Amino acid sequence: MHCKNNLDIDFYEMDSMKDFAVLLVEEGAFDGITESIIKYIDYDAIARDLEADYSEIEIADTNYTYRIS
């Protein structure tokens, strides 16, 4: 999403930051991850790293992950 004031907003309906980490890996956000090494990925660690750039909010009993840049 792009706003009039030139802010970019990434907005996802996610139950948790860990679920968001899983989504990013599954969608190929991290190049070079093959099916054979996916079972070794520490999604909790990725989720903690994502918290530096993304935030979570609950609206009407639905959890969202978002980033404004």
C-alpha atoms as a PDB file:
ATOM      1  CA  MET A   1       0.000   0.000   0.000  1.00  0.00           C
ATOM      2  CA  HIS A   2       1.333   3.467  -0.855  1.00  0.00           C
ATOM      3  CA  CYS A   3      -0.045   6.558   0.910  1.00  0.00           C
ATOM      4  CA  LYS A   4      -0.328  10.139  -0.357  1.00  0.00           C
ATOM      5  CA  ASN A   5       2.432  11.250   1.999  1.00  0.00           C
ATOM      6  CA  ASN A   6       4.918   8.829   0.347  1.00  0.00           C
ATOM      7  CA  LEU A   7       4.801   6.275   3.151  1.00  0.00           C
ATOM      8  CA  ASP A   8       4.826   2.620   2.223  1.00  0.00           C
ATOM      9  CA  ILE A   9       2.731   0.365   4.441  1.00  0.00           C
ATOM     10  CA  ASP A  10       3.069  -3.411   4.507  1.00  0.00           C
ATOM     11  CA  PHE A  11       0.019  -4.900   6.242  1.00  0.00           C
ATOM     12  CA  TYR A  12      -0.637  -8.621   6.833  1.00  0.00           C
ATOM     13  CA  GLU A  13      -3.333 -10.512   8.719  1.00  0.00           C
ATOM     14  CA  MET A  14      -1.191 -12.854  10.835  1.00  0.00           C
ATOM     15  CA  ASP A  15      -1.759 -14.681  14.102  1.00  0.00           C
ATOM     16  CA  SER A  16       1.822 -14.066  15.239  1.00  0.00           C
ATOM     17  CA  MET A  17       5.201 -12.764  14.189  1.00  0.00           C
ATOM     18  CA  LYS A  18       6.354 -16.395  13.948  1.00  0.00           C
ATOM     19  CA  ASP A  19       3.580 -17.109  11.439  1.00  0.00           C
ATOM     20  CA  PHE A  20       4.786 -14.104   9.478  1.00  0.00           C
ATOM     21  CA  ALA A  21       8.333 -15.517   9.503  1.00  0.00           C
ATOM     22  CA  VAL A  22       7.017 -18.817   8.139  1.00  0.00           C
ATOM     23  CA  LEU A  23       5.117 -16.969   5.396  1.00  0.00           C
ATOM     24  CA  LEU A  24       8.209 -15.037   4.330  1.00  0.00           C
ATOM     25  CA  VAL A  25      10.294 -18.210   4.110  1.00  0.00           C
ATOM     26  CA  GLU A  26       7.563 -20.050   2.195  1.00  0.00           C
ATOM     27  CA  GLU A  27       7.182 -17.158  -0.258  1.00  0.00           C
ATOM     28  CA  GLY A  28      10.923 -17.098  -0.971  1.00  0.00           C
ATOM     29  CA  ALA A  29      11.881 -13.878   0.802  1.00  0.00           C
ATOM     30  CA  PHE A  30      15.173 -15.523   1.759  1.00  0.00           C
ATOM     31  CA  ASP A  31      16.924 -16.656  -1.395  1.00  0.00           C
ATOM     32  CA  GLY A  32      18.714 -19.976  -1.456  1.00  0.00           C
ATOM     33  CA  ILE A  33      16.645 -21.869   1.111  1.00  0.00           C
ATOM     34  CA  THR A  34      15.995 -25.327  -0.265  1.00  0.00           C
ATOM     35  CA  GLU A  35      13.354 -27.812   0.871  1.00  0.00           C
ATOM     36  CA  SER A  36      16.088 -29.974   2.391  1.00  0.00           C
ATOM     37  CA  ILE A  37      17.124 -27.304   4.929  1.00  0.00           C
ATOM     38  CA  ILE A  38      13.742 -25.784   5.762  1.00  0.00           C
ATOM     39  CA  LYS A  39      13.330 -28.153   8.720  1.00  0.00           C
ATOM     40  CA  TYR A  40      16.397 -26.562  10.340  1.00  0.00           C
ATOM     41  CA  ILE A  41      15.138 -22.976  10.215  1.00  0.00           C
ATOM     42  CA  ASP A  42      14.662 -21.222  13.552  1.00  0.00           C
ATOM     43  CA  TYR A  43      11.405 -19.353  12.905  1.00  0.00           C
ATOM     44  CA  ASP A  44      11.399 -17.930  16.440  1.00  0.00           C
ATOM     45  CA  ALA A  45      14.746 -16.251  15.752  1.00  0.00           C
ATOM     46  CA  ILE A  46      13.496 -14.844  12.451  1.00  0.00           C
ATOM     47  CA  ALA A  47      10.382 -13.554  14.234  1.00  0.00           C
ATOM     48  CA  ARG A  48      12.537 -11.768  16.830  1.00  0.00           C
ATOM     49  CA  ASP A  49      14.562 -10.148  14.042  1.00  0.00           C
ATOM     50  CA  LEU A  50      11.390  -9.077  12.231  1.00  0.00           C
ATOM     51  CA  GLU A  51      10.231  -7.248  15.353  1.00  0.00           C
ATOM     52  CA  ALA A  52      12.934  -4.647  14.638  1.00  0.00           C
ATOM     53  CA  ASP A  53      11.036  -3.550  11.504  1.00  0.00           C
ATOM     54  CA  TYR A  54       7.475  -4.808  11.978  1.00  0.00           C
ATOM     55  CA  SER A  55       4.851  -4.283  14.671  1.00  0.00           C
ATOM     56  CA  GLU A  56       1.703  -6.132  15.653  1.00  0.00           C
ATOM     57  CA  ILE A  57      -1.745  -4.793  16.442  1.00  0.00           C
ATOM     58  CA  GLU A  58      -5.092  -6.413  17.212  1.00  0.00           C
ATOM     59  CA  ILE A  59      -8.209  -4.890  15.678  1.00  0.00           C
ATOM     60  CA  ALA A  60     -11.642  -6.402  16.272  1.00  0.00           C
ATOM     61  CA  ASP A  61     -10.146  -9.694  17.507  1.00  0.00           C
ATOM     62  CA  THR A  62      -7.902  -9.987  14.443  1.00  0.00           C
ATOM     63  CA  ASN A  63      -4.120  -9.734  14.708  1.00  0.00           C
ATOM     64  CA  TYR A  64      -2.165  -7.797  12.074  1.00  0.00           C
ATOM     65  CA  THR A  65       1.540  -7.425  11.371  1.00  0.00           C
ATOM     66  CA  TYR A  66       2.602  -4.190   9.717  1.00  0.00           C
ATOM     67  CA  ARG A  67       5.517  -1.979   8.750  1.00  0.00           C
ATOM     68  CA  ILE A  68       5.498   1.687   7.799  1.00  0.00           C
ATOM     69  CA  SER A  69       8.485   3.031   5.913  1.00  0.00           C
END
